């Protein structure tokens, strides 16, 4: 396998890049569905997805997944990264008892 010749850092970089690309594609799908394109949002979405991919890679590596599978799953994490983050945010706010009125009153 070609991954046997790569260092851990190289595999991590490839996985993060793959997650970022998948996140960028996810954003472009939203644009195709009617959301207006904004460069700032595109880069933010891509960077956030890359971070989620890196987190996923580290967790999967810790659990003993082979780098090939961990890298592929990083793409899935990148695709859903911003959506998953939003879901966690909503769940945490509900657990903390923060309402929409609180959010409007004190800002996001």
PDB file of N, CA and C in Angstrom:
ATOM      1  N   UNK A   1       0.833  -1.186   0.000  1.00  0.00           N
ATOM      2  CA  UNK A   1       0.000   0.000   0.000  1.00  0.00           C
ATOM      3  C   UNK A   1       0.881   1.254   0.000  1.00  0.00           C
ATOM      4  N   UNK A   2       0.477   2.268  -0.730  1.00  0.00           N
ATOM      5  CA  UNK A   2       1.281   3.499  -0.753  1.00  0.00           C
ATOM      6  C   UNK A   2       1.284   4.219   0.592  1.00  0.00           C
ATOM      7  N   UNK A   3       0.269   3.984   1.453  1.00  0.00           N
ATOM      8  CA  UNK A   3       0.225   4.663   2.740  1.00  0.00           C
ATOM      9  C   UNK A   3       1.348   4.195   3.658  1.00  0.00           C
ATOM     10  N   UNK A   4       1.900   3.045   3.409  1.00  0.00           N
ATOM     11  CA  UNK A   4       2.983   2.531   4.240  1.00  0.00           C
ATOM     12  C   UNK A   4       4.233   3.407   4.108  1.00  0.00           C
ATOM     13  N   UNK A   5       4.342   4.153   3.009  1.00  0.00           N
ATOM     14  CA  UNK A   5       5.510   4.983   2.769  1.00  0.00           C
ATOM     15  C   UNK A   5       5.326   6.410   3.265  1.00  0.00           C
ATOM     16  N   UNK A   6       4.114   6.765   3.675  1.00  0.00           N
ATOM     17  CA  UNK A   6       3.843   8.124   4.133  1.00  0.00           C
ATOM     18  C   UNK A   6       4.017   8.224   5.644  1.00  0.00           C
ATOM     19  N   UNK A   7       4.447   9.381   6.093  1.00  0.00           N
ATOM     20  CA  UNK A   7       4.550   9.613   7.526  1.00  0.00           C
ATOM     21  C   UNK A   7       3.159   9.902   8.091  1.00  0.00           C
ATOM     22  N   UNK A   8       3.040   9.832   9.399  1.00  0.00           N
ATOM     23  CA  UNK A   8       1.760  10.140  10.055  1.00  0.00           C
ATOM     24  C   UNK A   8       1.323  11.568   9.756  1.00  0.00           C
ATOM     25  N   UNK A   9       2.264  12.487   9.734  1.00  0.00           N
ATOM     26  CA  UNK A   9       1.950  13.884   9.449  1.00  0.00           C
ATOM     27  C   UNK A   9       1.428  14.067   8.017  1.00  0.00           C
ATOM     28  N   UNK A  10       2.014  13.345   7.070  1.00  0.00           N
ATOM     29  CA  UNK A  10       1.547  13.423   5.693  1.00  0.00           C
ATOM     30  C   UNK A  10       0.129  12.872   5.561  1.00  0.00           C
ATOM     31  N   UNK A  11      -0.132  11.749   6.221  1.00  0.00           N
ATOM     32  CA  UNK A  11      -1.473  11.154   6.187  1.00  0.00           C
ATOM     33  C   UNK A  11      -2.472  12.114   6.828  1.00  0.00           C
ATOM     34  N   UNK A  12      -2.088  12.730   7.924  1.00  0.00           N
ATOM     35  CA  UNK A  12      -2.953  13.703   8.594  1.00  0.00           C
ATOM     36  C   UNK A  12      -3.255  14.878   7.660  1.00  0.00           C
ATOM     37  N   UNK A  13      -2.239  15.370   6.962  1.00  0.00           N
ATOM     38  CA  UNK A  13      -2.430  16.469   6.017  1.00  0.00           C
ATOM     39  C   UNK A  13      -3.342  16.090   4.861  1.00  0.00           C
ATOM     40  N   UNK A  14      -3.156  14.900   4.327  1.00  0.00           N
ATOM     41  CA  UNK A  14      -4.006  14.427   3.230  1.00  0.00           C
ATOM     42  C   UNK A  14      -5.450  14.308   3.708  1.00  0.00           C
ATOM     43  N   UNK A  15      -5.648  13.754   4.890  1.00  0.00           N
ATOM     44  CA  UNK A  15      -6.998  13.569   5.426  1.00  0.00           C
ATOM     45  C   UNK A  15      -7.682  14.910   5.681  1.00  0.00           C
ATOM     46  N   UNK A  16      -6.948  15.863   6.244  1.00  0.00           N
ATOM     47  CA  UNK A  16      -7.514  17.192   6.488  1.00  0.00           C
ATOM     48  C   UNK A  16      -7.859  17.907   5.190  1.00  0.00           C
ATOM     49  N   UNK A  17      -6.996  17.759   4.196  1.00  0.00           N
ATOM     50  CA  UNK A  17      -7.261  18.366   2.889  1.00  0.00           C
ATOM     51  C   UNK A  17      -8.490  17.738   2.245  1.00  0.00           C
ATOM     52  N   UNK A  18      -8.585  16.404   2.329  1.00  0.00           N
ATOM     53  CA  UNK A  18      -9.736  15.702   1.767  1.00  0.00           C
ATOM     54  C   UNK A  18     -11.023  16.150   2.455  1.00  0.00           C
ATOM     55  N   UNK A  19     -10.980  16.295   3.777  1.00  0.00           N
ATOM     56  CA  UNK A  19     -12.158  16.758   4.518  1.00  0.00           C
ATOM     57  C   UNK A  19     -12.526  18.177   4.102  1.00  0.00           C
ATOM     58  N   UNK A  20     -11.520  19.038   3.909  1.00  0.00           N
ATOM     59  CA  UNK A  20     -11.787  20.405   3.466  1.00  0.00           C
ATOM     60  C   UNK A  20     -12.409  20.448   2.077  1.00  0.00           C
ATOM     61  N   UNK A  21     -11.916  19.608   1.170  1.00  0.00           N
ATOM     62  CA  UNK A  21     -12.488  19.540  -0.178  1.00  0.00           C
ATOM     63  C   UNK A  21     -13.940  19.077  -0.109  1.00  0.00           C
ATOM     64  N   UNK A  22     -14.194  18.054   0.702  1.00  0.00           N
ATOM     65  CA  UNK A  22     -15.572  17.568   0.852  1.00  0.00           C
ATOM     66  C   UNK A  22     -16.468  18.646   1.466  1.00  0.00           C
ATOM     67  N   UNK A  23     -15.944  19.411   2.398  1.00  0.00           N
ATOM     68  CA  UNK A  23     -16.704  20.514   2.975  1.00  0.00           C
ATOM     69  C   UNK A  23     -16.994  21.594   1.951  1.00  0.00           C
ATOM     70  N   UNK A  24     -16.011  21.898   1.110  1.00  0.00           N
ATOM     71  CA  UNK A  24     -16.220  22.864   0.036  1.00  0.00           C
ATOM     72  C   UNK A  24     -17.281  22.384  -0.943  1.00  0.00           C
ATOM     73  N   UNK A  25     -17.250  21.106  -1.266  1.00  0.00           N
ATOM     74  CA  UNK A  25     -18.269  20.540  -2.150  1.00  0.00           C
ATOM     75  C   UNK A  25     -19.650  20.598  -1.502  1.00  0.00           C
ATOM     76  N   UNK A  26     -19.697  20.364  -0.204  1.00  0.00           N
ATOM     77  CA  UNK A  26     -20.960  20.454   0.519  1.00  0.00           C
ATOM     78  C   UNK A  26     -21.531  21.867   0.410  1.00  0.00           C
ATOM     79  N   UNK A  27     -20.675  22.860   0.548  1.00  0.00           N
ATOM     80  CA  UNK A  27     -21.119  24.249   0.422  1.00  0.00           C
ATOM     81  C   UNK A  27     -21.619  24.530  -1.002  1.00  0.00           C
ATOM     82  N   UNK A  28     -20.914  24.020  -1.988  1.00  0.00           N
ATOM     83  CA  UNK A  28     -21.317  24.245  -3.371  1.00  0.00           C
ATOM     84  C   UNK A  28     -22.664  23.584  -3.685  1.00  0.00           C
ATOM     85  N   UNK A  29     -22.957  22.478  -3.034  1.00  0.00           N
ATOM     86  CA  UNK A  29     -24.269  21.856  -3.193  1.00  0.00           C
ATOM     87  C   UNK A  29     -25.348  22.787  -2.642  1.00  0.00           C
ATOM     88  N   UNK A  30     -25.056  23.423  -1.496  1.00  0.00           N
ATOM     89  CA  UNK A  30     -26.008  24.392  -0.936  1.00  0.00           C
ATOM     90  C   UNK A  30     -26.229  25.556  -1.904  1.00  0.00           C
ATOM     91  N   UNK A  31     -25.164  25.989  -2.558  1.00  0.00           N
ATOM     92  CA  UNK A  31     -25.274  27.072  -3.542  1.00  0.00           C
ATOM     93  C   UNK A  31     -26.128  26.610  -4.716  1.00  0.00           C
ATOM     94  N   UNK A  32     -25.913  25.394  -5.138  1.00  0.00           N
ATOM     95  CA  UNK A  32     -26.704  24.839  -6.242  1.00  0.00           C
ATOM     96  C   UNK A  32     -28.188  24.770  -5.880  1.00  0.00           C
ATOM     97  N   UNK A  33     -28.464  24.580  -4.594  1.00  0.00           N
ATOM     98  CA  UNK A  33     -29.851  24.498  -4.119  1.00  0.00           C
ATOM     99  C   UNK A  33     -30.480  25.877  -3.922  1.00  0.00           C
ATOM    100  N   UNK A  34     -29.726  26.949  -4.140  1.00  0.00           N
ATOM    101  CA  UNK A  34     -30.315  28.277  -4.081  1.00  0.00           C
ATOM    102  C   UNK A  34     -29.680  29.253  -3.100  1.00  0.00           C
ATOM    103  N   UNK A  35     -28.761  28.789  -2.269  1.00  0.00           N
ATOM    104  CA  UNK A  35     -28.093  29.701  -1.336  1.00  0.00           C
ATOM    105  C   UNK A  35     -27.131  30.595  -2.123  1.00  0.00           C
ATOM    106  N   UNK A  36     -27.100  31.895  -1.840  1.00  0.00           N
ATOM    107  CA  UNK A  36     -26.165  32.767  -2.563  1.00  0.00           C
ATOM    108  C   UNK A  36     -24.708  32.453  -2.180  1.00  0.00           C
ATOM    109  N   UNK A  37     -23.832  32.473  -3.186  1.00  0.00           N
ATOM    110  CA  UNK A  37     -22.415  32.170  -2.964  1.00  0.00           C
ATOM    111  C   UNK A  37     -21.705  33.374  -2.380  1.00  0.00           C
ATOM    112  N   UNK A  38     -20.908  33.125  -1.335  1.00  0.00           N
ATOM    113  CA  UNK A  38     -20.054  34.154  -0.747  1.00  0.00           C
ATOM    114  C   UNK A  38     -18.687  33.535  -0.483  1.00  0.00           C
ATOM    115  N   UNK A  39     -17.643  34.202  -0.965  1.00  0.00           N
ATOM    116  CA  UNK A  39     -16.295  33.667  -0.800  1.00  0.00           C
ATOM    117  C   UNK A  39     -15.937  33.471   0.669  1.00  0.00           C
ATOM    118  N   UNK A  40     -16.274  34.443   1.492  1.00  0.00           N
ATOM    119  CA  UNK A  40     -15.940  34.370   2.917  1.00  0.00           C
ATOM    120  C   UNK A  40     -16.566  33.127   3.545  1.00  0.00           C
ATOM    121  N   UNK A  41     -17.833  32.909   3.258  1.00  0.00           N
ATOM    122  CA  UNK A  41     -18.534  31.755   3.810  1.00  0.00           C
ATOM    123  C   UNK A  41     -17.978  30.446   3.248  1.00  0.00           C
ATOM    124  N   UNK A  42     -17.607  30.460   1.968  1.00  0.00           N
ATOM    125  CA  UNK A  42     -17.014  29.274   1.348  1.00  0.00           C
ATOM    126  C   UNK A  42     -15.717  28.878   2.056  1.00  0.00           C
ATOM    127  N   UNK A  43     -14.833  29.845   2.286  1.00  0.00           N
ATOM    128  CA  UNK A  43     -13.565  29.551   2.948  1.00  0.00           C
ATOM    129  C   UNK A  43     -13.781  29.131   4.401  1.00  0.00           C
ATOM    130  N   UNK A  44     -14.697  29.790   5.088  1.00  0.00           N
ATOM    131  CA  UNK A  44     -14.995  29.428   6.473  1.00  0.00           C
ATOM    132  C   UNK A  44     -15.561  28.009   6.552  1.00  0.00           C
ATOM    133  N   UNK A  45     -16.468  27.684   5.648  1.00  0.00           N
ATOM    134  CA  UNK A  45     -17.067  26.350   5.608  1.00  0.00           C
ATOM    135  C   UNK A  45     -15.993  25.298   5.325  1.00  0.00           C
ATOM    136  N   UNK A  46     -15.107  25.583   4.381  1.00  0.00           N
ATOM    137  CA  UNK A  46     -14.039  24.657   4.019  1.00  0.00           C
ATOM    138  C   UNK A  46     -13.067  24.450   5.182  1.00  0.00           C
ATOM    139  N   UNK A  47     -12.680  25.533   5.835  1.00  0.00           N
ATOM    140  CA  UNK A  47     -11.748  25.433   6.963  1.00  0.00           C
ATOM    141  C   UNK A  47     -12.373  24.681   8.135  1.00  0.00           C
ATOM    142  N   UNK A  48     -13.623  24.956   8.432  1.00  0.00           N
ATOM    143  CA  UNK A  48     -14.311  24.257   9.515  1.00  0.00           C
ATOM    144  C   UNK A  48     -14.393  22.773   9.217  1.00  0.00           C
ATOM    145  N   UNK A  49     -14.693  22.436   7.977  1.00  0.00           N
ATOM    146  CA  UNK A  49     -14.774  21.041   7.580  1.00  0.00           C
ATOM    147  C   UNK A  49     -13.422  20.345   7.706  1.00  0.00           C
ATOM    148  N   UNK A  50     -12.360  21.049   7.353  1.00  0.00           N
ATOM    149  CA  UNK A  50     -11.019  20.475   7.478  1.00  0.00           C
ATOM    150  C   UNK A  50     -10.693  20.187   8.944  1.00  0.00           C
ATOM    151  N   UNK A  51     -11.062  21.093   9.834  1.00  0.00           N
ATOM    152  CA  UNK A  51     -10.829  20.880  11.266  1.00  0.00           C
ATOM    153  C   UNK A  51     -11.601  19.660  11.759  1.00  0.00           C
ATOM    154  N   UNK A  52     -12.861  19.533  11.349  1.00  0.00           N
ATOM    155  CA  UNK A  52     -13.638  18.361  11.741  1.00  0.00           C
ATOM    156  C   UNK A  52     -13.021  17.082  11.182  1.00  0.00           C
ATOM    157  N   UNK A  53     -12.491  17.153   9.979  1.00  0.00           N
ATOM    158  CA  UNK A  53     -11.813  15.993   9.404  1.00  0.00           C
ATOM    159  C   UNK A  53     -10.575  15.610  10.197  1.00  0.00           C
ATOM    160  N   UNK A  54      -9.814  16.604  10.636  1.00  0.00           N
ATOM    161  CA  UNK A  54      -8.618  16.326  11.442  1.00  0.00           C
ATOM    162  C   UNK A  54      -8.993  15.716  12.791  1.00  0.00           C
ATOM    163  N   UNK A  55     -10.041  16.223  13.390  1.00  0.00           N
ATOM    164  CA  UNK A  55     -10.513  15.657  14.658  1.00  0.00           C
ATOM    165  C   UNK A  55     -10.955  14.216  14.437  1.00  0.00           C
ATOM    166  N   UNK A  56     -11.706  13.986  13.375  1.00  0.00           N
ATOM    167  CA  UNK A  56     -12.168  12.630  13.065  1.00  0.00           C
ATOM    168  C   UNK A  56     -10.985  11.698  12.845  1.00  0.00           C
ATOM    169  N   UNK A  57      -9.962  12.163  12.124  1.00  0.00           N
ATOM    170  CA  UNK A  57      -8.794  11.317  11.868  1.00  0.00           C
ATOM    171  C   UNK A  57      -8.101  10.936  13.175  1.00  0.00           C
ATOM    172  N   UNK A  58      -7.931  11.897  14.046  1.00  0.00           N
ATOM    173  CA  UNK A  58      -7.261  11.602  15.316  1.00  0.00           C
ATOM    174  C   UNK A  58      -8.051  10.594  16.151  1.00  0.00           C
ATOM    175  N   UNK A  59      -9.362  10.764  16.199  1.00  0.00           N
ATOM    176  CA  UNK A  59     -10.201   9.839  16.963  1.00  0.00           C
ATOM    177  C   UNK A  59     -10.149   8.447  16.340  1.00  0.00           C
ATOM    178  N   UNK A  60     -10.273   8.380  15.018  1.00  0.00           N
ATOM    179  CA  UNK A  60     -10.262   7.092  14.334  1.00  0.00           C
ATOM    180  C   UNK A  60      -8.901   6.412  14.448  1.00  0.00           C
ATOM    181  N   UNK A  61      -7.833   7.179  14.371  1.00  0.00           N
ATOM    182  CA  UNK A  61      -6.487   6.618  14.545  1.00  0.00           C
ATOM    183  C   UNK A  61      -6.314   6.068  15.952  1.00  0.00           C
ATOM    184  N   UNK A  62      -6.793   6.805  16.926  1.00  0.00           N
ATOM    185  CA  UNK A  62      -6.717   6.355  18.317  1.00  0.00           C
ATOM    186  C   UNK A  62      -7.463   5.035  18.503  1.00  0.00           C
ATOM    187  N   UNK A  63      -8.572   4.888  17.789  1.00  0.00           N
ATOM    188  CA  UNK A  63      -9.376   3.671  17.878  1.00  0.00           C
ATOM    189  C   UNK A  63      -8.801   2.522  17.047  1.00  0.00           C
ATOM    190  N   UNK A  64      -7.728   2.777  16.319  1.00  0.00           N
ATOM    191  CA  UNK A  64      -7.049   1.719  15.589  1.00  0.00           C
ATOM    192  C   UNK A  64      -7.523   1.489  14.163  1.00  0.00           C
ATOM    193  N   UNK A  65      -8.269   2.427  13.596  1.00  0.00           N
ATOM    194  CA  UNK A  65      -8.711   2.275  12.213  1.00  0.00           C
ATOM    195  C   UNK A  65      -7.515   2.395  11.278  1.00  0.00           C
ATOM    196  N   UNK A  66      -7.504   1.647  10.177  1.00  0.00           N
ATOM    197  CA  UNK A  66      -6.410   1.805   9.203  1.00  0.00           C
ATOM    198  C   UNK A  66      -6.475   3.193   8.558  1.00  0.00           C
ATOM    199  N   UNK A  67      -5.322   3.736   8.169  1.00  0.00           N
ATOM    200  CA  UNK A  67      -5.297   5.098   7.620  1.00  0.00           C
ATOM    201  C   UNK A  67      -6.187   5.279   6.396  1.00  0.00           C
ATOM    202  N   UNK A  68      -6.314   4.244   5.563  1.00  0.00           N
ATOM    203  CA  UNK A  68      -7.148   4.354   4.369  1.00  0.00           C
ATOM    204  C   UNK A  68      -8.610   4.591   4.745  1.00  0.00           C
ATOM    205  N   UNK A  69      -9.109   3.821   5.705  1.00  0.00           N
ATOM    206  CA  UNK A  69     -10.494   3.960   6.142  1.00  0.00           C
ATOM    207  C   UNK A  69     -10.686   5.267   6.915  1.00  0.00           C
ATOM    208  N   UNK A  70      -9.729   5.593   7.779  1.00  0.00           N
ATOM    209  CA  UNK A  70      -9.819   6.842   8.548  1.00  0.00           C
ATOM    210  C   UNK A  70      -9.845   8.042   7.609  1.00  0.00           C
ATOM    211  N   UNK A  71      -9.035   8.020   6.561  1.00  0.00           N
ATOM    212  CA  UNK A  71      -9.015   9.112   5.596  1.00  0.00           C
ATOM    213  C   UNK A  71     -10.344   9.253   4.871  1.00  0.00           C
ATOM    214  N   UNK A  72     -10.930   8.120   4.487  1.00  0.00           N
ATOM    215  CA  UNK A  72     -12.234   8.167   3.807  1.00  0.00           C
ATOM    216  C   UNK A  72     -13.306   8.711   4.742  1.00  0.00           C
ATOM    217  N   UNK A  73     -13.291   8.292   5.975  1.00  0.00           N
ATOM    218  CA  UNK A  73     -14.271   8.781   6.944  1.00  0.00           C
ATOM    219  C   UNK A  73     -14.061  10.257   7.261  1.00  0.00           C
ATOM    220  N   UNK A  74     -12.840  10.740   7.089  1.00  0.00           N
ATOM    221  CA  UNK A  74     -12.574  12.172   7.260  1.00  0.00           C
ATOM    222  C   UNK A  74     -13.341  12.978   6.222  1.00  0.00           C
ATOM    223  N   UNK A  75     -13.469  12.435   5.025  1.00  0.00           N
ATOM    224  CA  UNK A  75     -14.252  13.102   3.988  1.00  0.00           C
ATOM    225  C   UNK A  75     -15.710  13.240   4.397  1.00  0.00           C
ATOM    226  N   UNK A  76     -16.243  12.186   5.008  1.00  0.00           N
ATOM    227  CA  UNK A  76     -17.623  12.242   5.495  1.00  0.00           C
ATOM    228  C   UNK A  76     -17.736  13.268   6.615  1.00  0.00           C
ATOM    229  N   UNK A  77     -16.762  13.290   7.499  1.00  0.00           N
ATOM    230  CA  UNK A  77     -16.764  14.283   8.584  1.00  0.00           C
ATOM    231  C   UNK A  77     -16.671  15.690   8.015  1.00  0.00           C
ATOM    232  N   UNK A  78     -15.885  15.867   6.965  1.00  0.00           N
ATOM    233  CA  UNK A  78     -15.780  17.179   6.321  1.00  0.00           C
ATOM    234  C   UNK A  78     -17.074  17.589   5.652  1.00  0.00           C
ATOM    235  N   UNK A  79     -17.744  16.640   5.023  1.00  0.00           N
ATOM    236  CA  UNK A  79     -19.010  16.935   4.339  1.00  0.00           C
ATOM    237  C   UNK A  79     -20.059  17.410   5.337  1.00  0.00           C
ATOM    238  N   UNK A  80     -20.145  16.729   6.484  1.00  0.00           N
ATOM    239  CA  UNK A  80     -21.172  17.082   7.465  1.00  0.00           C
ATOM    240  C   UNK A  80     -20.688  17.939   8.608  1.00  0.00           C
ATOM    241  N   UNK A  81     -19.426  18.377   8.552  1.00  0.00           N
ATOM    242  CA  UNK A  81     -18.813  19.084   9.665  1.00  0.00           C
ATOM    243  C   UNK A  81     -19.589  20.258  10.218  1.00  0.00           C
ATOM    244  N   UNK A  82     -19.967  21.198   9.369  1.00  0.00           N
ATOM    245  CA  UNK A  82     -20.649  22.387   9.879  1.00  0.00           C
ATOM    246  C   UNK A  82     -22.056  22.053  10.349  1.00  0.00           C
ATOM    247  N   UNK A  83     -22.694  21.095   9.693  1.00  0.00           N
ATOM    248  CA  UNK A  83     -24.038  20.695  10.131  1.00  0.00           C
ATOM    249  C   UNK A  83     -23.982  19.995  11.478  1.00  0.00           C
ATOM    250  N   UNK A  84     -22.993  19.121  11.634  1.00  0.00           N
ATOM    251  CA  UNK A  84     -22.839  18.407  12.904  1.00  0.00           C
ATOM    252  C   UNK A  84     -22.519  19.388  14.023  1.00  0.00           C
ATOM    253  N   UNK A  85     -21.673  20.372  13.746  1.00  0.00           N
ATOM    254  CA  UNK A  85     -21.347  21.387  14.755  1.00  0.00           C
ATOM    255  C   UNK A  85     -22.595  22.144  15.180  1.00  0.00           C
ATOM    256  N   UNK A  86     -23.444  22.466  14.223  1.00  0.00           N
ATOM    257  CA  UNK A  86     -24.684  23.192  14.543  1.00  0.00           C
ATOM    258  C   UNK A  86     -25.608  22.329  15.403  1.00  0.00           C
ATOM    259  N   UNK A  87     -25.693  21.043  15.085  1.00  0.00           N
ATOM    260  CA  UNK A  87     -26.521  20.125  15.883  1.00  0.00           C
ATOM    261  C   UNK A  87     -26.008  20.074  17.318  1.00  0.00           C
ATOM    262  N   UNK A  88     -24.688  19.937  17.492  1.00  0.00           N
ATOM    263  CA  UNK A  88     -24.114  19.923  18.843  1.00  0.00           C
ATOM    264  C   UNK A  88     -24.387  21.229  19.572  1.00  0.00           C
ATOM    265  N   UNK A  89     -24.289  22.342  18.854  1.00  0.00           N
ATOM    266  CA  UNK A  89     -24.541  23.648  19.458  1.00  0.00           C
ATOM    267  C   UNK A  89     -25.975  23.731  19.973  1.00  0.00           C
ATOM    268  N   UNK A  90     -26.918  23.297  19.152  1.00  0.00           N
ATOM    269  CA  UNK A  90     -28.331  23.332  19.558  1.00  0.00           C
ATOM    270  C   UNK A  90     -28.565  22.418  20.757  1.00  0.00           C
ATOM    271  N   UNK A  91     -27.991  21.225  20.733  1.00  0.00           N
ATOM    272  CA  UNK A  91     -28.163  20.295  21.853  1.00  0.00           C
ATOM    273  C   UNK A  91     -27.576  20.855  23.150  1.00  0.00           C
ATOM    274  N   UNK A  92     -26.399  21.445  23.061  1.00  0.00           N
ATOM    275  CA  UNK A  92     -25.770  22.025  24.248  1.00  0.00           C
ATOM    276  C   UNK A  92     -26.574  23.198  24.794  1.00  0.00           C
ATOM    277  N   UNK A  93     -27.114  24.017  23.906  1.00  0.00           N
ATOM    278  CA  UNK A  93     -27.929  25.148  24.349  1.00  0.00           C
ATOM    279  C   UNK A  93     -29.194  24.668  25.040  1.00  0.00           C
ATOM    280  N   UNK A  94     -29.794  23.609  24.508  1.00  0.00           N
ATOM    281  CA  UNK A  94     -31.002  23.065  25.133  1.00  0.00           C
ATOM    282  C   UNK A  94     -30.686  22.501  26.513  1.00  0.00           C
ATOM    283  N   UNK A  95     -29.580  21.781  26.620  1.00  0.00           N
ATOM    284  CA  UNK A  95     -29.186  21.223  27.926  1.00  0.00           C
ATOM    285  C   UNK A  95     -28.877  22.317  28.936  1.00  0.00           C
ATOM    286  N   UNK A  96     -28.303  23.404  28.453  1.00  0.00           N
ATOM    287  CA  UNK A  96     -27.963  24.515  29.345  1.00  0.00           C
ATOM    288  C   UNK A  96     -29.173  25.391  29.649  1.00  0.00           C
ATOM    289  N   UNK A  97     -30.282  25.139  28.973  1.00  0.00           N
ATOM    290  CA  UNK A  97     -31.489  25.919  29.212  1.00  0.00           C
ATOM    291  C   UNK A  97     -31.469  27.290  28.583  1.00  0.00           C
ATOM    292  N   UNK A  98     -30.687  27.463  27.546  1.00  0.00           N
ATOM    293  CA  UNK A  98     -30.606  28.749  26.860  1.00  0.00           C
ATOM    294  C   UNK A  98     -31.706  28.806  25.803  1.00  0.00           C
ATOM    295  N   UNK A  99     -32.547  29.812  25.883  1.00  0.00           N
ATOM    296  CA  UNK A  99     -33.662  29.950  24.946  1.00  0.00           C
ATOM    297  C   UNK A  99     -33.300  30.897  23.807  1.00  0.00           C
ATOM    298  N   UNK A 100     -34.187  30.956  22.819  1.00  0.00           N
ATOM    299  CA  UNK A 100     -33.985  31.893  21.710  1.00  0.00           C
ATOM    300  C   UNK A 100     -34.016  33.332  22.197  1.00  0.00           C
ATOM    301  N   UNK A 101     -34.869  33.597  23.192  1.00  0.00           N
ATOM    302  CA  UNK A 101     -34.927  34.951  23.749  1.00  0.00           C
ATOM    303  C   UNK A 101     -33.601  35.335  24.399  1.00  0.00           C
ATOM    304  N   UNK A 102     -32.982  34.382  25.104  1.00  0.00           N
ATOM    305  CA  UNK A 102     -31.667  34.628  25.709  1.00  0.00           C
ATOM    306  C   UNK A 102     -30.640  34.941  24.634  1.00  0.00           C
ATOM    307  N   UNK A 103     -30.704  34.212  23.539  1.00  0.00           N
ATOM    308  CA  UNK A 103     -29.749  34.411  22.462  1.00  0.00           C
ATOM    309  C   UNK A 103     -29.899  35.798  21.836  1.00  0.00           C
ATOM    310  N   UNK A 104     -31.134  36.218  21.646  1.00  0.00           N
ATOM    311  CA  UNK A 104     -31.380  37.540  21.071  1.00  0.00           C
ATOM    312  C   UNK A 104     -30.982  38.643  22.040  1.00  0.00           C
ATOM    313  N   UNK A 105     -31.232  38.406  23.322  1.00  0.00           N
ATOM    314  CA  UNK A 105     -30.941  39.409  24.350  1.00  0.00           C
ATOM    315  C   UNK A 105     -29.432  39.611  24.529  1.00  0.00           C
ATOM    316  N   UNK A 106     -28.663  38.514  24.564  1.00  0.00           N
ATOM    317  CA  UNK A 106     -27.238  38.597  24.858  1.00  0.00           C
ATOM    318  C   UNK A 106     -26.360  38.420  23.632  1.00  0.00           C
ATOM    319  N   UNK A 107     -26.951  38.186  22.481  1.00  0.00           N
ATOM    320  CA  UNK A 107     -26.170  38.023  21.255  1.00  0.00           C
ATOM    321  C   UNK A 107     -25.747  36.583  21.075  1.00  0.00           C
ATOM    322  N   UNK A 108     -25.316  36.268  19.857  1.00  0.00           N
ATOM    323  CA  UNK A 108     -24.953  34.895  19.518  1.00  0.00           C
ATOM    324  C   UNK A 108     -23.567  34.630  19.919  1.00  0.00           C
TER     325      UNK A 108
END
